[in-house]
Amino acid sequence: MATTIQISDGLQKKLAERRLFGRETYEEVILDLIEDATEISEETKKELQESRQEARKGKVHAFSSIKKEAGL
C-alpha cells in the first residue's frame, strides 16, 4: 500500500542529492539510508565493545601523549 508523505523543499533537495542515479526513487534513497544506519550501528557497537575490553586491560593512551608523539 503506497502512502504519501509531506516533506520540506530542503529535505527533498537533500534526498535528491543522495540519489545514486537520476531515476532512483525517494523510497530507494530512504531505504539505502536506513540500511546504512543499521550497518553503521552494528559496526559501531562492535568497535565500542572492543574499545571497552582494551580499556579494561589498560591498553589506553592519554591524548596529550599521542599529540606529543605526532608532533602536534
C-alpha atoms as a PDB file:
ATOM      1  CA  MET A   1       0.000   0.000   0.000  1.00  0.00           C
ATOM      2  CA  ALA A   2       1.512   3.311  -1.053  1.00  0.00           C
ATOM      3  CA  THR A   3       1.409   6.329   1.240  1.00  0.00           C
ATOM      4  CA  THR A   4       2.047   9.979   0.510  1.00  0.00           C
ATOM      5  CA  ILE A   5       4.123  11.984   2.975  1.00  0.00           C
ATOM      6  CA  GLN A   6       4.880  15.675   3.165  1.00  0.00           C
ATOM      7  CA  ILE A   7       8.495  16.793   3.302  1.00  0.00           C
ATOM      8  CA  SER A   8      10.058  20.211   3.129  1.00  0.00           C
ATOM      9  CA  ASP A   9      11.713  21.511  -0.010  1.00  0.00           C
ATOM     10  CA  GLY A  10      15.040  21.385   1.826  1.00  0.00           C
ATOM     11  CA  LEU A  11      14.652  17.697   2.651  1.00  0.00           C
ATOM     12  CA  GLN A  12      13.594  16.934  -0.905  1.00  0.00           C
ATOM     13  CA  LYS A  13      16.771  18.603  -2.173  1.00  0.00           C
ATOM     14  CA  LYS A  14      18.903  16.615   0.290  1.00  0.00           C
ATOM     15  CA  LEU A  15      17.268  13.355  -0.786  1.00  0.00           C
ATOM     16  CA  ALA A  16      17.781  14.264  -4.440  1.00  0.00           C
ATOM     17  CA  GLU A  17      21.489  14.894  -3.766  1.00  0.00           C
ATOM     18  CA  ARG A  18      21.799  11.383  -2.305  1.00  0.00           C
ATOM     19  CA  ARG A  19      20.492   9.681  -5.425  1.00  0.00           C
ATOM     20  CA  LEU A  20      22.978   7.262  -6.931  1.00  0.00           C
ATOM     21  CA  PHE A  21      21.367   7.571 -10.356  1.00  0.00           C
ATOM     22  CA  GLY A  22      18.876  10.005 -11.848  1.00  0.00           C
ATOM     23  CA  ARG A  23      15.776   7.825 -11.836  1.00  0.00           C
ATOM     24  CA  GLU A  24      16.244   6.471  -8.319  1.00  0.00           C
ATOM     25  CA  THR A  25      13.084   6.972  -6.269  1.00  0.00           C
ATOM     26  CA  TYR A  26      12.993   8.735  -2.920  1.00  0.00           C
ATOM     27  CA  GLU A  27      11.843   5.440  -1.405  1.00  0.00           C
ATOM     28  CA  GLU A  28      15.048   3.764  -2.628  1.00  0.00           C
ATOM     29  CA  VAL A  29      17.136   6.633  -1.251  1.00  0.00           C
ATOM     30  CA  ILE A  30      15.430   6.386   2.154  1.00  0.00           C
ATOM     31  CA  LEU A  31      15.804   2.598   2.263  1.00  0.00           C
ATOM     32  CA  ASP A  32      19.533   2.967   1.478  1.00  0.00           C
ATOM     33  CA  LEU A  33      19.880   5.494   4.318  1.00  0.00           C
ATOM     34  CA  ILE A  34      18.129   3.142   6.749  1.00  0.00           C
ATOM     35  CA  GLU A  35      20.345   0.252   5.671  1.00  0.00           C
ATOM     36  CA  ASP A  36      23.482   2.365   6.061  1.00  0.00           C
ATOM     37  CA  ALA A  37      22.415   3.497   9.532  1.00  0.00           C
ATOM     38  CA  THR A  38      21.804  -0.091  10.607  1.00  0.00           C
ATOM     39  CA  GLU A  39      25.177  -1.248   9.324  1.00  0.00           C
ATOM     40  CA  ILE A  40      26.968   1.620  10.991  1.00  0.00           C
ATOM     41  CA  SER A  41      25.201   0.956  14.265  1.00  0.00           C
ATOM     42  CA  GLU A  42      26.197  -2.708  14.340  1.00  0.00           C
ATOM     43  CA  GLU A  43      29.779  -1.879  13.385  1.00  0.00           C
ATOM     44  CA  THR A  44      29.928   0.861  15.992  1.00  0.00           C
ATOM     45  CA  LYS A  45      28.577  -1.477  18.680  1.00  0.00           C
ATOM     46  CA  LYS A  46      31.330  -3.970  17.888  1.00  0.00           C
ATOM     47  CA  GLU A  47      34.030  -1.294  17.973  1.00  0.00           C
ATOM     48  CA  LEU A  48      32.735   0.058  21.277  1.00  0.00           C
ATOM     49  CA  GLN A  49      32.814  -3.431  22.786  1.00  0.00           C
ATOM     50  CA  GLU A  50      36.412  -3.903  21.616  1.00  0.00           C
ATOM     51  CA  SER A  51      37.380  -0.488  22.984  1.00  0.00           C
ATOM     52  CA  ARG A  52      35.880  -1.267  26.367  1.00  0.00           C
ATOM     53  CA  GLN A  53      37.816  -4.531  26.523  1.00  0.00           C
ATOM     54  CA  GLU A  54      41.073  -2.758  25.651  1.00  0.00           C
ATOM     55  CA  ALA A  55      40.420  -0.095  28.292  1.00  0.00           C
ATOM     56  CA  ARG A  56      39.797  -2.763  30.937  1.00  0.00           C
ATOM     57  CA  LYS A  57      43.139  -4.338  30.010  1.00  0.00           C
ATOM     58  CA  GLY A  58      44.855  -0.972  30.402  1.00  0.00           C
ATOM     59  CA  LYS A  59      45.592  -0.563  26.696  1.00  0.00           C
ATOM     60  CA  VAL A  60      44.882   3.158  26.695  1.00  0.00           C
ATOM     61  CA  HIS A  61      46.942   6.241  25.859  1.00  0.00           C
ATOM     62  CA  ALA A  62      46.481   9.799  27.034  1.00  0.00           C
ATOM     63  CA  PHE A  63      45.511  12.190  24.266  1.00  0.00           C
ATOM     64  CA  SER A  64      48.341  14.525  25.273  1.00  0.00           C
ATOM     65  CA  SER A  65      50.940  11.771  24.761  1.00  0.00           C
ATOM     66  CA  ILE A  66      49.516  10.924  21.347  1.00  0.00           C
ATOM     67  CA  LYS A  67      49.665  14.600  20.338  1.00  0.00           C
ATOM     68  CA  LYS A  68      53.250  14.799  21.541  1.00  0.00           C
ATOM     69  CA  GLU A  69      54.262  11.700  19.559  1.00  0.00           C
ATOM     70  CA  ALA A  70      52.610  13.137  16.455  1.00  0.00           C
ATOM     71  CA  GLY A  71      54.400  16.447  16.927  1.00  0.00           C
ATOM     72  CA  LEU A  72      51.226  18.471  17.323  1.00  0.00           C
END
